[in-house]
Amino acid sequence: MAEPTTVLIADDHPLFRAGVRQSLDRQAAVKVIAEADNGEDALAKILDLKPDVAILDIQMPKLTGLELAKKAETLGLSTRIILLTMVDDRKVFLDAMESGVVGYVLKDSAVSEIGRAIATVADDRHYISPSLSGLLVERRKGGSLPPSVKDLTPTEIRIVKLIADLKSNQEIADEMAISRRTVENHRVNISRKLSLTGTNALLKFALKNKADL
């Protein structure tokens, strides 16, 4: 039997935090190993306990969830970050993706969605609340293709489309009947052609231009 996914929950509202924990405690595949009510305490516990997943409120005292995610990215921590948010702000969403966040969940639906979100990010995929799907697509004015997309091959464009659908490298490989290593090589080439650098830069590009591919 596989080991449960270890989780830290950080939110400054005790009742909300308790509700999320109660939901997760019912799931055998998840083990909550720590809680925190502010960002600094959460970061200290992440460094000490190294949970597989950290669920962070985007607004916390001392260090916000987004600030903590940026620090975790800078430090090269392996803990996967899920942010909880109250608003569907596209700028914040894109900033989160740029900061290495792999899960983005609306707080109003967190109790019902958080188990699925954890399972998804633990499987090396991204999770965004269905109710926030409007953040995934930003239509370019005029409907023209982004300047650099014309330099991509049909195979590369297909891979970008699948990335925009939040498919993992393995899922893309299975769908296209190629190896995972080939997918990884394509991603490197695509990023080079589009002059993309940084964590989640290709995902951000794919989401932003999904409607035009």
Protein backbone atom coordinates (compact mmCIF):
# COMPACT_ATOMS: atom_id res chain seq x y z
CA MET A 1 0.00 0.00 0.00
CA ALA A 2 1.36 3.41 -0.96
CA GLU A 3 2.38 5.83 1.73
CA PRO A 4 -0.17 8.62 2.36
CA THR A 5 0.52 12.10 1.00
CA THR A 6 1.71 14.27 3.90
CA VAL A 7 0.06 17.67 4.16
CA LEU A 8 0.44 20.97 6.00
CA ILE A 9 -2.55 23.31 6.33
CA ALA A 10 -1.91 27.02 6.88
CA ASP A 11 -4.79 29.46 7.41
CA ASP A 12 -5.37 32.11 10.05
CA HIS A 13 -9.05 31.18 10.54
CA PRO A 14 -9.25 28.25 13.02
CA LEU A 15 -12.76 27.16 12.04
CA PHE A 16 -11.93 27.04 8.34
CA ARG A 17 -8.67 25.21 9.03
CA ALA A 18 -10.55 22.69 11.19
CA GLY A 19 -13.09 22.11 8.42
CA VAL A 20 -10.38 21.38 5.87
CA ARG A 21 -8.59 19.06 8.29
CA GLN A 22 -11.79 17.22 9.13
CA SER A 23 -12.37 16.62 5.44
CA LEU A 24 -8.82 15.32 4.93
CA ASP A 25 -8.80 13.15 8.06
CA ARG A 26 -11.47 11.01 6.41
CA GLN A 27 -9.14 10.16 3.53
CA ALA A 28 -6.72 7.28 3.98
CA ALA A 29 -4.48 8.56 1.18
CA VAL A 30 -3.77 11.82 3.04
CA LYS A 31 -2.05 12.47 6.36
CA VAL A 32 -2.14 15.97 7.88
CA ILE A 33 1.14 16.36 9.77
CA ALA A 34 1.02 20.04 10.72
CA GLU A 35 -1.06 23.21 10.88
CA ALA A 36 -0.09 26.88 11.02
CA ASP A 37 -1.96 30.16 11.47
CA ASN A 38 0.57 32.45 9.78
CA GLY A 39 3.05 32.33 6.92
CA GLU A 40 6.24 32.44 8.94
CA ASP A 41 5.18 29.47 11.09
CA ALA A 42 4.09 27.61 7.96
CA LEU A 43 7.47 28.14 6.29
CA ALA A 44 9.32 26.97 9.41
CA LYS A 45 7.23 23.79 9.52
CA ILE A 46 7.68 23.15 5.80
CA LEU A 47 11.44 23.42 6.24
CA ASP A 48 11.37 21.14 9.27
CA LEU A 49 8.79 18.51 8.28
CA LYS A 50 9.05 18.61 4.47
CA PRO A 51 5.40 17.76 3.74
CA ASP A 52 4.51 16.53 0.27
CA VAL A 53 1.87 19.25 -0.08
CA ALA A 54 1.26 22.58 1.65
CA ILE A 55 -2.21 24.15 1.54
CA LEU A 56 -1.77 27.90 2.02
CA ASP A 57 -4.30 30.69 2.41
CA ILE A 58 -3.31 33.40 -0.05
CA GLN A 59 -3.84 36.03 2.69
CA MET A 60 -2.09 35.25 6.00
CA PRO A 61 -0.35 37.35 8.66
CA LYS A 62 3.44 37.78 8.59
CA LEU A 63 3.85 36.05 5.22
CA THR A 64 1.10 35.60 2.63
CA GLY A 65 0.59 32.32 0.83
CA LEU A 66 1.94 33.83 -2.38
CA GLU A 67 5.02 35.26 -0.62
CA LEU A 68 5.63 31.88 0.98
CA ALA A 69 5.30 30.15 -2.40
CA LYS A 70 7.92 32.50 -3.87
CA LYS A 71 10.28 31.76 -0.98
CA ALA A 72 9.74 28.01 -1.41
CA GLU A 73 10.52 28.37 -5.12
CA THR A 74 13.69 30.33 -4.38
CA LEU A 75 14.80 27.75 -1.82
CA GLY A 76 14.10 24.89 -4.21
CA LEU A 77 11.76 23.11 -1.79
CA SER A 78 10.07 19.95 -3.05
CA THR A 79 6.79 20.61 -1.24
CA ARG A 80 3.99 21.23 -3.73
CA ILE A 81 2.00 24.38 -3.03
CA ILE A 82 -1.79 24.70 -3.23
CA LEU A 83 -3.11 28.25 -2.75
CA LEU A 84 -6.55 28.99 -1.34
CA THR A 85 -8.13 32.18 -2.65
CA MET A 86 -11.35 34.15 -2.27
CA VAL A 87 -11.12 35.99 -5.59
CA ASP A 88 -10.72 35.13 -9.27
CA ASP A 89 -8.04 37.71 -9.93
CA ARG A 90 -6.16 36.83 -13.14
CA LYS A 91 -3.05 38.82 -12.25
CA VAL A 92 -2.72 37.02 -8.91
CA PHE A 93 -3.37 33.69 -10.62
CA LEU A 94 -0.62 34.22 -13.19
CA ASP A 95 1.73 35.46 -10.46
CA ALA A 96 1.01 32.27 -8.53
CA MET A 97 1.75 30.09 -11.57
CA GLU A 98 5.00 31.99 -12.12
CA SER A 99 5.92 31.31 -8.47
CA GLY A 100 5.75 27.54 -8.78
CA VAL A 101 2.24 27.09 -7.36
CA VAL A 102 0.67 23.89 -8.69
CA GLY A 103 -2.82 24.16 -7.17
CA TYR A 104 -5.26 27.07 -7.07
CA VAL A 105 -8.50 26.48 -5.15
CA LEU A 106 -11.43 28.77 -4.36
CA LYS A 107 -11.95 28.82 -0.58
CA ASP A 108 -15.73 28.55 -0.91
CA SER A 109 -15.32 25.09 -2.41
CA ALA A 110 -12.11 24.06 -0.64
CA VAL A 111 -13.65 21.48 1.70
CA SER A 112 -15.27 19.59 -1.18
CA GLU A 113 -12.36 19.98 -3.61
CA ILE A 114 -9.22 19.81 -1.51
CA GLY A 115 -8.89 16.02 -1.52
CA ARG A 116 -9.04 15.92 -5.31
CA ALA A 117 -6.62 18.84 -5.52
CA ILE A 118 -4.08 17.07 -3.32
CA ALA A 119 -4.33 13.84 -5.31
CA THR A 120 -3.85 15.79 -8.54
CA VAL A 121 -0.77 17.77 -7.49
CA ALA A 122 0.74 14.72 -5.77
CA ASP A 123 0.53 13.05 -9.21
CA ASP A 124 2.72 15.86 -10.62
CA ARG A 125 -0.18 17.68 -12.29
CA HIS A 126 -1.74 21.10 -11.83
CA TYR A 127 -5.15 21.63 -10.25
CA ILE A 128 -7.34 24.71 -10.67
CA SER A 129 -10.88 24.90 -9.26
CA PRO A 130 -13.45 24.39 -12.04
CA SER A 131 -15.17 27.57 -10.85
CA LEU A 132 -11.96 29.46 -11.68
CA SER A 133 -11.79 28.12 -15.22
CA GLY A 134 -12.26 31.62 -16.59
CA LEU A 135 -8.70 32.34 -15.49
CA LEU A 136 -7.35 29.67 -17.80
CA VAL A 137 -8.10 31.46 -21.03
CA GLU A 138 -7.35 35.03 -22.00
CA ARG A 139 -8.32 35.76 -25.57
CA ARG A 140 -5.85 37.92 -27.40
CA LYS A 141 -7.32 41.10 -28.90
CA GLY A 142 -7.83 40.78 -32.61
CA GLY A 143 -7.61 36.97 -32.47
CA SER A 144 -4.22 36.79 -34.18
CA LEU A 145 -1.73 34.10 -33.31
CA PRO A 146 1.07 35.04 -30.92
CA PRO A 147 4.12 36.03 -33.01
CA SER A 148 6.25 33.04 -32.04
CA VAL A 149 3.63 30.30 -32.40
CA LYS A 150 4.18 30.23 -36.17
CA ASP A 151 7.65 28.85 -35.46
CA LEU A 152 6.25 25.74 -33.75
CA THR A 153 5.68 22.47 -35.54
CA PRO A 154 2.20 20.85 -35.53
CA THR A 155 3.45 18.35 -32.95
CA GLU A 156 4.73 21.14 -30.71
CA ILE A 157 1.44 23.05 -31.01
CA ARG A 158 -0.44 19.91 -30.01
CA ILE A 159 1.79 19.54 -26.96
CA VAL A 160 1.18 23.17 -25.98
CA LYS A 161 -2.58 22.53 -26.25
CA LEU A 162 -2.28 19.51 -23.96
CA ILE A 163 -0.20 21.52 -21.49
CA ALA A 164 -3.01 24.10 -21.47
CA ASP A 165 -5.38 21.24 -20.56
CA LEU A 166 -3.18 20.67 -17.48
CA LYS A 167 -1.94 17.30 -18.74
CA SER A 168 1.18 15.87 -17.09
CA ASN A 169 4.19 14.82 -19.18
CA GLN A 170 3.16 11.19 -18.79
CA GLU A 171 -0.42 11.89 -19.85
CA ILE A 172 0.82 13.77 -22.93
CA ALA A 173 3.15 10.89 -23.74
CA ASP A 174 0.31 8.35 -23.44
CA GLU A 175 -2.07 10.41 -25.56
CA MET A 176 0.50 10.98 -28.31
CA ALA A 177 2.00 7.47 -28.11
CA ILE A 178 5.51 8.77 -27.49
CA SER A 179 7.89 8.46 -24.56
CA ARG A 180 7.87 10.79 -21.59
CA ARG A 181 11.47 11.73 -22.38
CA THR A 182 10.39 12.78 -25.89
CA VAL A 183 7.73 15.03 -24.36
CA GLU A 184 10.33 16.57 -22.06
CA ASN A 185 12.61 17.22 -25.04
CA HIS A 186 9.75 18.83 -26.95
CA ARG A 187 9.03 21.09 -23.97
CA VAL A 188 12.65 22.23 -23.89
CA ASN A 189 12.57 22.98 -27.62
CA ILE A 190 9.23 24.79 -27.38
CA SER A 191 10.46 26.96 -24.51
CA ARG A 192 13.61 27.78 -26.46
CA LYS A 193 11.65 28.75 -29.58
CA LEU A 194 9.29 30.95 -27.54
CA SER A 195 12.13 32.40 -25.42
CA LEU A 196 10.43 31.19 -22.24
CA THR A 197 12.38 30.82 -19.01
CA GLY A 198 11.45 30.19 -15.41
CA THR A 199 9.19 27.78 -13.55
CA ASN A 200 5.75 27.33 -15.18
CA ALA A 201 6.62 29.79 -17.98
CA LEU A 202 5.45 27.34 -20.64
CA LEU A 203 2.27 26.54 -18.70
CA LYS A 204 1.56 30.24 -18.30
CA PHE A 205 2.05 30.76 -22.05
CA ALA A 206 -0.18 27.78 -22.90
CA LEU A 207 -3.00 28.96 -20.63
CA LYS A 208 -2.80 32.54 -21.86
CA ASN A 209 -2.91 31.54 -25.53
CA LYS A 210 -5.12 28.45 -25.35
CA ALA A 211 -8.00 30.06 -27.26
CA ASP A 212 -5.71 30.94 -30.18
CA LEU A 213 -3.95 27.59 -30.68
